[in-house]
Amino acid sequence: MPSLFRFLFITGFLSACAFAGLYVLANYFEPKQTVVTEPVHGIKIHRP
């Protein structure tokens, strides 16, 4: 039974570390916003 508790504790701890890392990356490291404009070849736009 102690090995089950140890396994659950370790997996919970690793999951919490992964979740915290993703949270920090998502909230504190915003990418620089840029506008990308590229023509799409082969598309005709019908204007009324």
C-alpha atoms as a PDB file:
ATOM      1  CA  MET A   1       0.000   0.000   0.000  1.00  0.00           C
ATOM      2  CA  PRO A   2       2.818   2.522   0.635  1.00  0.00           C
ATOM      3  CA  SER A   3       4.064   1.996  -2.931  1.00  0.00           C
ATOM      4  CA  LEU A   4       0.616   2.994  -4.237  1.00  0.00           C
ATOM      5  CA  PHE A   5       0.681   6.215  -2.204  1.00  0.00           C
ATOM      6  CA  ARG A   6       4.215   6.942  -3.391  1.00  0.00           C
ATOM      7  CA  PHE A   7       3.182   6.352  -7.016  1.00  0.00           C
ATOM      8  CA  LEU A   8       0.124   8.589  -6.686  1.00  0.00           C
ATOM      9  CA  PHE A   9       2.152  11.315  -4.985  1.00  0.00           C
ATOM     10  CA  ILE A  10       4.881  11.268  -7.636  1.00  0.00           C
ATOM     11  CA  THR A  11       2.433  11.283 -10.559  1.00  0.00           C
ATOM     12  CA  GLY A  12       0.413  14.057  -8.928  1.00  0.00           C
ATOM     13  CA  PHE A  13       3.548  16.092  -8.307  1.00  0.00           C
ATOM     14  CA  LEU A  14       4.758  15.672 -11.894  1.00  0.00           C
ATOM     15  CA  SER A  15       1.317  16.572 -13.238  1.00  0.00           C
ATOM     16  CA  ALA A  16       1.218  19.693 -11.061  1.00  0.00           C
ATOM     17  CA  CYS A  17       4.687  20.720 -12.288  1.00  0.00           C
ATOM     18  CA  ALA A  18       3.640  20.250 -15.923  1.00  0.00           C
ATOM     19  CA  PHE A  19       0.430  22.218 -15.374  1.00  0.00           C
ATOM     20  CA  ALA A  20       2.302  25.032 -13.611  1.00  0.00           C
ATOM     21  CA  GLY A  21       4.878  25.184 -16.402  1.00  0.00           C
ATOM     22  CA  LEU A  22       2.201  25.409 -19.088  1.00  0.00           C
ATOM     23  CA  TYR A  23       0.371  28.077 -17.084  1.00  0.00           C
ATOM     24  CA  VAL A  24       3.518  30.185 -16.767  1.00  0.00           C
ATOM     25  CA  LEU A  25       4.341  29.795 -20.462  1.00  0.00           C
ATOM     26  CA  ALA A  26       0.804  30.728 -21.500  1.00  0.00           C
ATOM     27  CA  ASN A  27       0.473  33.800 -19.286  1.00  0.00           C
ATOM     28  CA  TYR A  28       3.916  35.361 -19.014  1.00  0.00           C
ATOM     29  CA  PHE A  29       5.497  34.734 -22.418  1.00  0.00           C
ATOM     30  CA  GLU A  30       3.202  36.299 -25.007  1.00  0.00           C
ATOM     31  CA  PRO A  31       4.425  36.102 -28.604  1.00  0.00           C
ATOM     32  CA  LYS A  32       4.976  39.328 -30.521  1.00  0.00           C
ATOM     33  CA  GLN A  33       1.916  40.017 -32.669  1.00  0.00           C
ATOM     34  CA  THR A  34       2.508  40.612 -36.354  1.00  0.00           C
ATOM     35  CA  VAL A  35       0.235  41.027 -39.351  1.00  0.00           C
ATOM     36  CA  VAL A  36       0.864  38.545 -42.133  1.00  0.00           C
ATOM     37  CA  THR A  37      -0.581  39.351 -45.550  1.00  0.00           C
ATOM     38  CA  GLU A  38      -0.030  36.869 -48.352  1.00  0.00           C
ATOM     39  CA  PRO A  39      -1.939  36.566 -51.620  1.00  0.00           C
ATOM     40  CA  VAL A  40      -3.785  33.322 -52.232  1.00  0.00           C
ATOM     41  CA  HIS A  41      -3.209  32.307 -55.833  1.00  0.00           C
ATOM     42  CA  GLY A  42      -6.052  30.773 -57.816  1.00  0.00           C
ATOM     43  CA  ILE A  43      -8.886  32.466 -55.883  1.00  0.00           C
ATOM     44  CA  LYS A  44     -11.142  35.004 -57.591  1.00  0.00           C
ATOM     45  CA  ILE A  45     -13.189  37.405 -55.496  1.00  0.00           C
ATOM     46  CA  HIS A  46     -16.543  38.320 -57.039  1.00  0.00           C
ATOM     47  CA  ARG A  47     -17.488  41.858 -56.086  1.00  0.00           C
ATOM     48  CA  PRO A  48     -21.115  42.971 -56.545  1.00  0.00           C
END
